[in-house]
Amino acid sequence: MRLDDLVRRLDDYFRVPDVRGDDWAPAFDACYPDPYWRDHVEPGYEGRWDGLMVRGTPDVACVATCVFPSDRIVDTLAPETLLFSEHPLDFGDEPGFQPLSRASFQALQEVCAGFYHVHAPLDMHPEVSPSRLCAHGMRVDVDDEYFPIAEGIPGGAAVIGDCDATLDELAARLHSYLGPEIPVEVVTRPRERASRVAVVAGGGAMLEPLEQSIERGCDTYVTGNAVTRCRLDFVRANVDAFNERAAEAGVAVIDGTHYGTEKPPQLAMVEWFRARGVPAEFLSDGPK
């Protein structure tokens, strides 16, 4: 398939032209003291922060999806492969956000078909958002969606609903859904039954979505970074404040790692690409 045709389909599916405020500038400034990335990204990417980041060959032979892009993943890509991800940066617990090397940018531009990512449009998507998919995998009966992380598009990055399961049963369902390589932990256990379950996949251990969840009756909160070894000060501060407030409110917390809870959309997108006649595979590189 022609790259431009596939990009148009992706832009439509994720409503990329309408997105505003999905700002990655602070993370890029921290990761790239030498901003060589600007030599390789598409005109208009900076400021938009979603969609086609790096343009490569005009034809796409296949697509590789991943949770976090990395030099390791780029090194494995065959010619004319389009890399698809939620994030524009690698992210590991230690040390935190990590850049792509100049060599990776050059490979994506000169050998591969390029790099396309969507962050807020994926987190807020009505079909393939990680929170929605994880809730479905745990058999949570979703009845509300909230916590938008960008403007211009509907939806939210958090969902909530009822679930008739114990905390251990809910954690077991999540572990079965995410796969055997993903650790799932009941972090706090103020009660045995899950009941009203909020799901905020990825880096959702933050006060704002927790408070919005408590307002909606949440007594169990499923996320991906309530247990973290990340050395970034702002991440540790967010997680510490989150855990303190959850304990104060008597909210049970279940953690499935940042990587693990954002894995399901990448598997779903493999099927999306295949349904449109493009060979695709998921590249595992975690948990981190």
C-alpha atoms as a PDB file:
ATOM      1  CA  MET A   1       0.000   0.000   0.000  1.00  0.00           C
ATOM      2  CA  ARG A   2       1.124   3.548  -0.627  1.00  0.00           C
ATOM      3  CA  LEU A   3       2.271   5.306   2.518  1.00  0.00           C
ATOM      4  CA  ASP A   4       0.123   8.372   1.883  1.00  0.00           C
ATOM      5  CA  ASP A   5      -2.996   6.218   1.481  1.00  0.00           C
ATOM      6  CA  LEU A   6      -2.344   4.387   4.752  1.00  0.00           C
ATOM      7  CA  VAL A   7      -1.602   7.622   6.601  1.00  0.00           C
ATOM      8  CA  ARG A   8      -4.916   9.098   5.422  1.00  0.00           C
ATOM      9  CA  ARG A   9      -6.769   6.056   6.731  1.00  0.00           C
ATOM     10  CA  LEU A  10      -4.978   6.247  10.071  1.00  0.00           C
ATOM     11  CA  ASP A  11      -5.555   9.989  10.374  1.00  0.00           C
ATOM     12  CA  ASP A  12      -9.274   9.437   9.791  1.00  0.00           C
ATOM     13  CA  TYR A  13      -9.528   6.543  12.229  1.00  0.00           C
ATOM     14  CA  PHE A  14      -7.744   8.438  15.012  1.00  0.00           C
ATOM     15  CA  ARG A  15      -9.137  11.917  14.177  1.00  0.00           C
ATOM     16  CA  VAL A  16      -5.588  13.272  14.081  1.00  0.00           C
ATOM     17  CA  PRO A  17      -6.375  16.566  12.248  1.00  0.00           C
ATOM     18  CA  ASP A  18      -8.724  17.549  15.104  1.00  0.00           C
ATOM     19  CA  VAL A  19      -6.358  16.894  18.038  1.00  0.00           C
ATOM     20  CA  ARG A  20      -5.038  19.830  20.041  1.00  0.00           C
ATOM     21  CA  GLY A  21      -2.897  19.978  23.152  1.00  0.00           C
ATOM     22  CA  ASP A  22      -1.242  16.538  23.111  1.00  0.00           C
ATOM     23  CA  ASP A  23       2.031  18.251  23.999  1.00  0.00           C
ATOM     24  CA  TRP A  24       5.305  16.276  23.947  1.00  0.00           C
ATOM     25  CA  ALA A  25       7.580  19.334  23.886  1.00  0.00           C
ATOM     26  CA  PRO A  26       8.788  19.035  27.535  1.00  0.00           C
ATOM     27  CA  ALA A  27       9.651  15.350  27.104  1.00  0.00           C
ATOM     28  CA  PHE A  28      11.490  16.005  23.841  1.00  0.00           C
ATOM     29  CA  ASP A  29      13.420  18.891  25.390  1.00  0.00           C
ATOM     30  CA  ALA A  30      14.503  16.629  28.245  1.00  0.00           C
ATOM     31  CA  CYS A  31      15.430  13.677  26.010  1.00  0.00           C
ATOM     32  CA  TYR A  32      17.185  15.555  23.220  1.00  0.00           C
ATOM     33  CA  PRO A  33      19.758  18.113  24.461  1.00  0.00           C
ATOM     34  CA  ASP A  34      20.825  18.039  20.806  1.00  0.00           C
ATOM     35  CA  PRO A  35      17.501  18.340  18.943  1.00  0.00           C
ATOM     36  CA  TYR A  36      18.625  16.336  15.909  1.00  0.00           C
ATOM     37  CA  TRP A  37      15.139  14.838  15.691  1.00  0.00           C
ATOM     38  CA  ARG A  38      14.018  18.052  13.985  1.00  0.00           C
ATOM     39  CA  ASP A  39      16.183  17.107  10.989  1.00  0.00           C
ATOM     40  CA  HIS A  40      14.066  14.009  10.370  1.00  0.00           C
ATOM     41  CA  VAL A  41      10.437  14.608  11.335  1.00  0.00           C
ATOM     42  CA  GLU A  42       7.625  15.631   9.022  1.00  0.00           C
ATOM     43  CA  PRO A  43       6.875  19.350   8.600  1.00  0.00           C
ATOM     44  CA  GLY A  44       4.184  20.289  11.085  1.00  0.00           C
ATOM     45  CA  TYR A  45       4.828  17.347  13.414  1.00  0.00           C
ATOM     46  CA  GLU A  46       6.246  19.600  16.116  1.00  0.00           C
ATOM     47  CA  GLY A  47       3.179  21.215  17.625  1.00  0.00           C
ATOM     48  CA  ARG A  48       0.831  18.517  16.350  1.00  0.00           C
ATOM     49  CA  TRP A  49       2.679  15.693  18.144  1.00  0.00           C
ATOM     50  CA  ASP A  50       0.577  12.936  16.567  1.00  0.00           C
ATOM     51  CA  GLY A  51       0.366  11.176  13.214  1.00  0.00           C
ATOM     52  CA  LEU A  52       3.186  10.630  10.741  1.00  0.00           C
ATOM     53  CA  MET A  53       6.362  11.588  12.572  1.00  0.00           C
ATOM     54  CA  VAL A  54       8.970  10.295  10.095  1.00  0.00           C
ATOM     55  CA  ARG A  55       8.333   9.796   6.372  1.00  0.00           C
ATOM     56  CA  GLY A  56      10.187   6.903   4.763  1.00  0.00           C
ATOM     57  CA  THR A  57       9.721   4.940   1.553  1.00  0.00           C
ATOM     58  CA  PRO A  58       6.621   5.726  -0.532  1.00  0.00           C
ATOM     59  CA  ASP A  59       5.334   2.137  -0.301  1.00  0.00           C
ATOM     60  CA  VAL A  60       4.506   0.148   2.831  1.00  0.00           C
ATOM     61  CA  ALA A  61       5.287  -3.567   2.598  1.00  0.00           C
ATOM     62  CA  CYS A  62       4.295  -4.299   6.221  1.00  0.00           C
ATOM     63  CA  VAL A  63       3.596  -2.679   9.578  1.00  0.00           C
ATOM     64  CA  ALA A  64       5.194  -3.363  12.950  1.00  0.00           C
ATOM     65  CA  THR A  65       3.336  -2.204  16.056  1.00  0.00           C
ATOM     66  CA  CYS A  66       4.931  -1.644  19.464  1.00  0.00           C
ATOM     67  CA  VAL A  67       4.126  -0.040  22.807  1.00  0.00           C
ATOM     68  CA  PHE A  68       7.333   1.999  23.060  1.00  0.00           C
ATOM     69  CA  PRO A  69       9.610   2.693  20.068  1.00  0.00           C
ATOM     70  CA  SER A  70      13.287   2.036  20.690  1.00  0.00           C
ATOM     71  CA  ASP A  71      16.604   1.643  18.903  1.00  0.00           C
ATOM     72  CA  ARG A  72      16.282  -2.084  19.621  1.00  0.00           C
ATOM     73  CA  ILE A  73      13.017  -2.278  17.714  1.00  0.00           C
ATOM     74  CA  VAL A  74      14.149  -0.104  14.809  1.00  0.00           C
ATOM     75  CA  ASP A  75      17.188  -2.368  14.362  1.00  0.00           C
ATOM     76  CA  THR A  76      14.845  -5.304  13.644  1.00  0.00           C
ATOM     77  CA  LEU A  77      12.701  -3.616  10.985  1.00  0.00           C
ATOM     78  CA  ALA A  78      12.760  -4.876   7.403  1.00  0.00           C
ATOM     79  CA  PRO A  79      12.831  -2.425   4.481  1.00  0.00           C
ATOM     80  CA  GLU A  80       9.516  -0.659   3.749  1.00  0.00           C
ATOM     81  CA  THR A  81       8.165  -1.367   7.240  1.00  0.00           C
ATOM     82  CA  LEU A  82       5.997   1.296   8.848  1.00  0.00           C
ATOM     83  CA  LEU A  83       6.514   1.452  12.598  1.00  0.00           C
ATOM     84  CA  PHE A  84       3.304   2.181  14.544  1.00  0.00           C
ATOM     85  CA  SER A  85       3.269   3.089  18.239  1.00  0.00           C
ATOM     86  CA  GLU A  86       1.369   5.013  20.865  1.00  0.00           C
ATOM     87  CA  HIS A  87       4.446   6.916  22.032  1.00  0.00           C
ATOM     88  CA  PRO A  88       7.142   8.888  20.191  1.00  0.00           C
ATOM     89  CA  LEU A  89       9.780   7.980  22.819  1.00  0.00           C
ATOM     90  CA  ASP A  90      11.033   4.845  24.496  1.00  0.00           C
ATOM     91  CA  PHE A  91      10.019   4.552  28.123  1.00  0.00           C
ATOM     92  CA  GLY A  92      11.534   2.248  30.692  1.00  0.00           C
ATOM     93  CA  ASP A  93      11.278   2.327  34.456  1.00  0.00           C
ATOM     94  CA  GLU A  94      14.996   2.929  34.604  1.00  0.00           C
ATOM     95  CA  PRO A  95      15.810   5.686  33.842  1.00  0.00           C
ATOM     96  CA  GLY A  96      12.569   6.909  32.209  1.00  0.00           C
ATOM     97  CA  PHE A  97      11.984   8.483  28.793  1.00  0.00           C
ATOM     98  CA  GLN A  98      14.751   7.684  26.325  1.00  0.00           C
ATOM     99  CA  PRO A  99      15.380   9.131  22.832  1.00  0.00           C
ATOM    100  CA  LEU A 100      15.704   7.450  19.478  1.00  0.00           C
ATOM    101  CA  SER A 101      19.229   7.718  18.110  1.00  0.00           C
ATOM    102  CA  ARG A 102      20.076   9.644  14.977  1.00  0.00           C
ATOM    103  CA  ALA A 103      20.848   6.289  13.315  1.00  0.00           C
ATOM    104  CA  SER A 104      17.297   5.109  14.085  1.00  0.00           C
ATOM    105  CA  PHE A 105      15.801   8.247  12.556  1.00  0.00           C
ATOM    106  CA  GLN A 106      17.931   7.723   9.462  1.00  0.00           C
ATOM    107  CA  ALA A 107      16.862   4.076   9.164  1.00  0.00           C
ATOM    108  CA  LEU A 108      13.184   4.982   9.537  1.00  0.00           C
ATOM    109  CA  GLN A 109      13.576   7.662   6.870  1.00  0.00           C
ATOM    110  CA  GLU A 110      15.849   5.946   4.366  1.00  0.00           C
ATOM    111  CA  VAL A 111      15.156   2.203   4.707  1.00  0.00           C
ATOM    112  CA  CYS A 112      11.777   1.814   6.383  1.00  0.00           C
ATOM    113  CA  ALA A 113       8.428   3.340   5.442  1.00  0.00           C
ATOM    114  CA  GLY A 114       8.599   5.663   8.434  1.00  0.00           C
ATOM    115  CA  PHE A 115       7.109   6.054  11.900  1.00  0.00           C
ATOM    116  CA  TYR A 116       3.496   6.844  12.808  1.00  0.00           C
ATOM    117  CA  HIS A 117       2.290   7.270  16.376  1.00  0.00           C
ATOM    118  CA  VAL A 118      -0.840   8.449  18.161  1.00  0.00           C
ATOM    119  CA  HIS A 119      -0.942   9.149  21.893  1.00  0.00           C
ATOM    120  CA  ALA A 120      -4.080  10.958  23.076  1.00  0.00           C
ATOM    121  CA  PRO A 121      -6.075   9.816  19.998  1.00  0.00           C
ATOM    122  CA  LEU A 122      -5.336   6.219  20.989  1.00  0.00           C
ATOM    123  CA  ASP A 123      -5.910   6.682  24.727  1.00  0.00           C
ATOM    124  CA  MET A 124      -9.281   8.325  23.986  1.00  0.00           C
ATOM    125  CA  HIS A 125     -10.381   6.095  21.102  1.00  0.00           C
ATOM    126  CA  PRO A 126     -13.890   4.584  21.295  1.00  0.00           C
ATOM    127  CA  GLU A 127     -12.723   1.159  20.058  1.00  0.00           C
ATOM    128  CA  VAL A 128      -9.037   0.584  20.787  1.00  0.00           C
ATOM    129  CA  SER A 129      -8.207   2.702  23.832  1.00  0.00           C
ATOM    130  CA  PRO A 130      -6.071   0.714  26.293  1.00  0.00           C
ATOM    131  CA  SER A 131      -8.382   1.440  29.220  1.00  0.00           C
ATOM    132  CA  ARG A 132     -11.437   0.262  27.294  1.00  0.00           C
ATOM    133  CA  LEU A 133      -9.716  -2.893  26.042  1.00  0.00           C
ATOM    134  CA  CYS A 134      -8.348  -3.780  29.489  1.00  0.00           C
ATOM    135  CA  ALA A 135     -11.810  -3.252  30.994  1.00  0.00           C
ATOM    136  CA  HIS A 136     -13.282  -5.580  28.378  1.00  0.00           C
ATOM    137  CA  GLY A 137     -10.585  -8.167  29.123  1.00  0.00           C
ATOM    138  CA  MET A 138     -11.500  -8.061  32.828  1.00  0.00           C
ATOM    139  CA  ARG A 139     -15.247  -8.217  32.044  1.00  0.00           C
ATOM    140  CA  VAL A 140     -15.922  -4.817  33.599  1.00  0.00           C
ATOM    141  CA  ASP A 141     -19.314  -3.474  32.485  1.00  0.00           C
ATOM    142  CA  VAL A 142     -18.217   0.023  31.365  1.00  0.00           C
ATOM    143  CA  ASP A 143     -20.843   2.728  31.789  1.00  0.00           C
ATOM    144  CA  ASP A 144     -18.794   5.941  31.760  1.00  0.00           C
ATOM    145  CA  GLU A 145     -15.743   7.392  30.008  1.00  0.00           C
ATOM    146  CA  TYR A 146     -13.865  10.458  31.290  1.00  0.00           C
ATOM    147  CA  PHE A 147     -10.503  12.195  31.819  1.00  0.00           C
ATOM    148  CA  PRO A 148      -9.719  13.649  28.359  1.00  0.00           C
ATOM    149  CA  ILE A 149      -5.992  14.277  27.837  1.00  0.00           C
ATOM    150  CA  ALA A 150      -6.306  16.404  24.688  1.00  0.00           C
ATOM    151  CA  GLU A 151      -8.781  18.787  23.114  1.00  0.00           C
ATOM    152  CA  GLY A 152     -10.650  18.669  19.827  1.00  0.00           C
ATOM    153  CA  ILE A 153     -11.748  15.030  20.005  1.00  0.00           C
ATOM    154  CA  PRO A 154     -14.384  13.282  22.127  1.00  0.00           C
ATOM    155  CA  GLY A 155     -13.775  10.603  24.702  1.00  0.00           C
ATOM    156  CA  GLY A 156     -11.506  10.110  27.671  1.00  0.00           C
ATOM    157  CA  ALA A 157      -8.515   8.076  28.789  1.00  0.00           C
ATOM    158  CA  ALA A 158     -10.372   6.489  31.732  1.00  0.00           C
ATOM    159  CA  VAL A 159     -13.398   4.207  31.952  1.00  0.00           C
ATOM    160  CA  ILE A 160     -15.414   2.896  34.877  1.00  0.00           C
ATOM    161  CA  GLY A 161     -18.023   0.249  35.467  1.00  0.00           C
ATOM    162  CA  ASP A 162     -19.260  -2.496  37.737  1.00  0.00           C
ATOM    163  CA  CYS A 163     -17.669  -5.907  38.108  1.00  0.00           C
ATOM    164  CA  ASP A 164     -18.848  -8.828  40.226  1.00  0.00           C
ATOM    165  CA  ALA A 165     -15.426 -10.280  41.072  1.00  0.00           C
ATOM    166  CA  THR A 166     -12.953 -10.418  43.905  1.00  0.00           C
ATOM    167  CA  LEU A 167      -9.733  -8.446  43.628  1.00  0.00           C
ATOM    168  CA  ASP A 168      -7.812 -11.671  43.015  1.00  0.00           C
ATOM    169  CA  GLU A 169     -10.250 -12.745  40.309  1.00  0.00           C
ATOM    170  CA  LEU A 170     -10.010  -9.340  38.638  1.00  0.00           C
ATOM    171  CA  ALA A 171      -6.196  -9.443  38.726  1.00  0.00           C
ATOM    172  CA  ALA A 172      -6.236 -12.985  37.312  1.00  0.00           C
ATOM    173  CA  ARG A 173      -8.485 -11.888  34.456  1.00  0.00           C
ATOM    174  CA  LEU A 174      -6.147  -9.001  33.662  1.00  0.00           C
ATOM    175  CA  HIS A 175      -3.101 -11.270  33.772  1.00  0.00           C
ATOM    176  CA  SER A 176      -4.774 -13.795  31.459  1.00  0.00           C
ATOM    177  CA  TYR A 177      -5.753 -11.010  29.049  1.00  0.00           C
ATOM    178  CA  LEU A 178      -2.362  -9.256  28.982  1.00  0.00           C
ATOM    179  CA  GLY A 179      -0.291 -12.417  28.661  1.00  0.00           C
ATOM    180  CA  PRO A 180       2.034 -14.469  30.852  1.00  0.00           C
ATOM    181  CA  GLU A 181       4.990 -12.074  30.502  1.00  0.00           C
ATOM    182  CA  ILE A 182       3.062  -9.204  32.132  1.00  0.00           C
ATOM    183  CA  PRO A 183       3.157  -9.084  35.960  1.00  0.00           C
ATOM    184  CA  VAL A 184      -0.136  -8.106  37.562  1.00  0.00           C
ATOM    185  CA  GLU A 185      -0.214  -7.205  41.258  1.00  0.00           C
ATOM    186  CA  VAL A 186      -2.930  -6.396  43.774  1.00  0.00           C
ATOM    187  CA  VAL A 187      -1.089  -3.466  45.332  1.00  0.00           C
ATOM    188  CA  THR A 188      -3.574  -2.607  48.105  1.00  0.00           C
ATOM    189  CA  ARG A 189      -6.465  -4.636  49.476  1.00  0.00           C
ATOM    190  CA  PRO A 190      -8.853  -2.594  51.652  1.00  0.00           C
ATOM    191  CA  ARG A 191     -11.622  -5.086  50.742  1.00  0.00           C
ATOM    192  CA  GLU A 192     -11.952  -8.385  48.909  1.00  0.00           C
ATOM    193  CA  ARG A 193     -14.462  -7.521  46.184  1.00  0.00           C
ATOM    194  CA  ALA A 194     -13.742  -5.231  43.242  1.00  0.00           C
ATOM    195  CA  SER A 195     -17.254  -3.789  42.771  1.00  0.00           C
ATOM    196  CA  ARG A 196     -16.916  -0.342  41.078  1.00  0.00           C
ATOM    197  CA  VAL A 197     -13.793  -0.538  38.892  1.00  0.00           C
ATOM    198  CA  ALA A 198     -11.969   2.370  37.222  1.00  0.00           C
ATOM    199  CA  VAL A 199      -9.423   1.527  34.528  1.00  0.00           C
ATOM    200  CA  VAL A 200      -6.770   4.114  33.648  1.00  0.00           C
ATOM    201  CA  ALA A 201      -4.211   2.223  31.592  1.00  0.00           C
ATOM    202  CA  GLY A 202      -0.568   3.178  31.147  1.00  0.00           C
ATOM    203  CA  GLY A 203       0.794   5.882  33.435  1.00  0.00           C
ATOM    204  CA  GLY A 204      -2.530   6.461  35.183  1.00  0.00           C
ATOM    205  CA  ALA A 205      -1.249   6.567  38.777  1.00  0.00           C
ATOM    206  CA  MET A 206      -1.996  10.288  39.105  1.00  0.00           C
ATOM    207  CA  LEU A 207      -4.221  12.337  41.391  1.00  0.00           C
ATOM    208  CA  GLU A 208      -6.496  13.904  38.779  1.00  0.00           C
ATOM    209  CA  PRO A 209      -7.884  10.712  37.211  1.00  0.00           C
ATOM    210  CA  LEU A 210      -8.056   9.128  40.678  1.00  0.00           C
ATOM    211  CA  GLU A 211     -10.172  12.013  42.006  1.00  0.00           C
ATOM    212  CA  GLN A 212     -12.433  11.863  38.947  1.00  0.00           C
ATOM    213  CA  SER A 213     -12.778   8.126  39.498  1.00  0.00           C
ATOM    214  CA  ILE A 214     -13.632   8.534  43.187  1.00  0.00           C
ATOM    215  CA  GLU A 215     -16.339  11.045  42.191  1.00  0.00           C
ATOM    216  CA  ARG A 216     -17.842   8.264  40.054  1.00  0.00           C
ATOM    217  CA  GLY A 217     -17.911   5.802  42.929  1.00  0.00           C
ATOM    218  CA  CYS A 218     -14.653   3.979  42.252  1.00  0.00           C
ATOM    219  CA  ASP A 219     -13.475   1.581  44.936  1.00  0.00           C
ATOM    220  CA  THR A 220     -10.990  -0.360  42.748  1.00  0.00           C
ATOM    221  CA  TYR A 221      -8.480   1.331  40.441  1.00  0.00           C
ATOM    222  CA  VAL A 222      -6.585  -0.547  37.723  1.00  0.00           C
ATOM    223  CA  THR A 223      -3.565   1.145  36.183  1.00  0.00           C
ATOM    224  CA  GLY A 224      -0.020   0.600  34.990  1.00  0.00           C
ATOM    225  CA  ASN A 225       2.435   2.492  37.158  1.00  0.00           C
ATOM    226  CA  ALA A 226       1.259   2.337  40.755  1.00  0.00           C
ATOM    227  CA  VAL A 227       4.340   0.153  41.210  1.00  0.00           C
ATOM    228  CA  THR A 228       7.301   1.807  39.492  1.00  0.00           C
ATOM    229  CA  ARG A 229      11.084   1.970  39.567  1.00  0.00           C
ATOM    230  CA  CYS A 230      11.123   5.083  37.390  1.00  0.00           C
ATOM    231  CA  ARG A 231      13.784   7.552  38.489  1.00  0.00           C
ATOM    232  CA  LEU A 232      12.109  10.643  37.032  1.00  0.00           C
ATOM    233  CA  ASP A 233      11.246  12.935  39.928  1.00  0.00           C
ATOM    234  CA  PHE A 234       7.887  14.078  38.548  1.00  0.00           C
ATOM    235  CA  VAL A 235       6.765  10.478  37.955  1.00  0.00           C
ATOM    236  CA  ARG A 236       7.749   9.388  41.471  1.00  0.00           C
ATOM    237  CA  ALA A 237       6.006  12.413  42.986  1.00  0.00           C
ATOM    238  CA  ASN A 238       2.808  11.658  41.046  1.00  0.00           C
ATOM    239  CA  VAL A 239       2.855   7.992  42.041  1.00  0.00           C
ATOM    240  CA  ASP A 240       3.555   8.734  45.719  1.00  0.00           C
ATOM    241  CA  ALA A 241       0.695  11.245  45.896  1.00  0.00           C
ATOM    242  CA  PHE A 242      -1.596   8.816  44.054  1.00  0.00           C
ATOM    243  CA  ASN A 243      -0.890   5.924  46.414  1.00  0.00           C
ATOM    244  CA  GLU A 244      -1.329   8.119  49.483  1.00  0.00           C
ATOM    245  CA  ARG A 245      -4.717   9.391  48.257  1.00  0.00           C
ATOM    246  CA  ALA A 246      -5.893   5.914  47.207  1.00  0.00           C
ATOM    247  CA  ALA A 247      -5.072   4.595  50.677  1.00  0.00           C
ATOM    248  CA  GLU A 248      -6.845   7.525  52.320  1.00  0.00           C
ATOM    249  CA  ALA A 249      -9.969   6.927  50.212  1.00  0.00           C
ATOM    250  CA  GLY A 250      -9.929   3.156  50.734  1.00  0.00           C
ATOM    251  CA  VAL A 251      -9.484   2.459  47.022  1.00  0.00           C
ATOM    252  CA  ALA A 252      -7.993  -0.912  46.106  1.00  0.00           C
ATOM    253  CA  VAL A 253      -5.233  -0.651  43.494  1.00  0.00           C
ATOM    254  CA  ILE A 254      -4.268  -3.235  40.861  1.00  0.00           C
ATOM    255  CA  ASP A 255      -1.175  -2.715  38.695  1.00  0.00           C
ATOM    256  CA  GLY A 256      -0.455  -4.314  35.315  1.00  0.00           C
ATOM    257  CA  THR A 257       2.617  -2.208  34.355  1.00  0.00           C
ATOM    258  CA  HIS A 258       2.679   0.740  31.980  1.00  0.00           C
ATOM    259  CA  TYR A 259       3.817  -1.477  29.120  1.00  0.00           C
ATOM    260  CA  GLY A 260       1.381  -4.293  29.862  1.00  0.00           C
ATOM    261  CA  THR A 261      -1.786  -2.206  30.098  1.00  0.00           C
ATOM    262  CA  GLU A 262      -0.926  -0.438  26.825  1.00  0.00           C
ATOM    263  CA  LYS A 263      -0.119  -3.638  24.944  1.00  0.00           C
ATOM    264  CA  PRO A 264      -3.741  -4.513  23.922  1.00  0.00           C
ATOM    265  CA  PRO A 265      -4.208  -1.630  21.434  1.00  0.00           C
ATOM    266  CA  GLN A 266      -1.048  -2.643  19.607  1.00  0.00           C
ATOM    267  CA  LEU A 267      -2.411  -6.167  19.168  1.00  0.00           C
ATOM    268  CA  ALA A 268      -5.754  -4.743  18.048  1.00  0.00           C
ATOM    269  CA  MET A 269      -4.039  -2.538  15.479  1.00  0.00           C
ATOM    270  CA  VAL A 270      -2.294  -5.577  13.981  1.00  0.00           C
ATOM    271  CA  GLU A 271      -5.774  -6.850  13.082  1.00  0.00           C
ATOM    272  CA  TRP A 272      -6.795  -3.374  11.864  1.00  0.00           C
ATOM    273  CA  PHE A 273      -3.902  -3.275   9.395  1.00  0.00           C
ATOM    274  CA  ARG A 274      -4.437  -6.860   8.254  1.00  0.00           C
ATOM    275  CA  ALA A 275      -8.116  -6.137   7.599  1.00  0.00           C
ATOM    276  CA  ARG A 276      -6.962  -3.465   5.163  1.00  0.00           C
ATOM    277  CA  GLY A 277      -4.648  -5.815   3.315  1.00  0.00           C
ATOM    278  CA  VAL A 278      -1.395  -4.769   4.995  1.00  0.00           C
ATOM    279  CA  PRO A 279       0.734  -7.489   6.659  1.00  0.00           C
ATOM    280  CA  ALA A 280       1.358  -6.584  10.295  1.00  0.00           C
ATOM    281  CA  GLU A 281       2.916  -7.947  13.474  1.00  0.00           C
ATOM    282  CA  PHE A 282       3.340  -6.866  17.081  1.00  0.00           C
ATOM    283  CA  LEU A 283       6.915  -6.486  18.314  1.00  0.00           C
ATOM    284  CA  SER A 284       7.219  -7.345  21.992  1.00  0.00           C
ATOM    285  CA  ASP A 285       9.769  -5.336  23.979  1.00  0.00           C
ATOM    286  CA  GLY A 286       8.668  -5.425  27.573  1.00  0.00           C
ATOM    287  CA  PRO A 287       7.501  -5.166  30.248  1.00  0.00           C
ATOM    288  CA  LYS A 288       9.782  -2.394  31.435  1.00  0.00           C
END
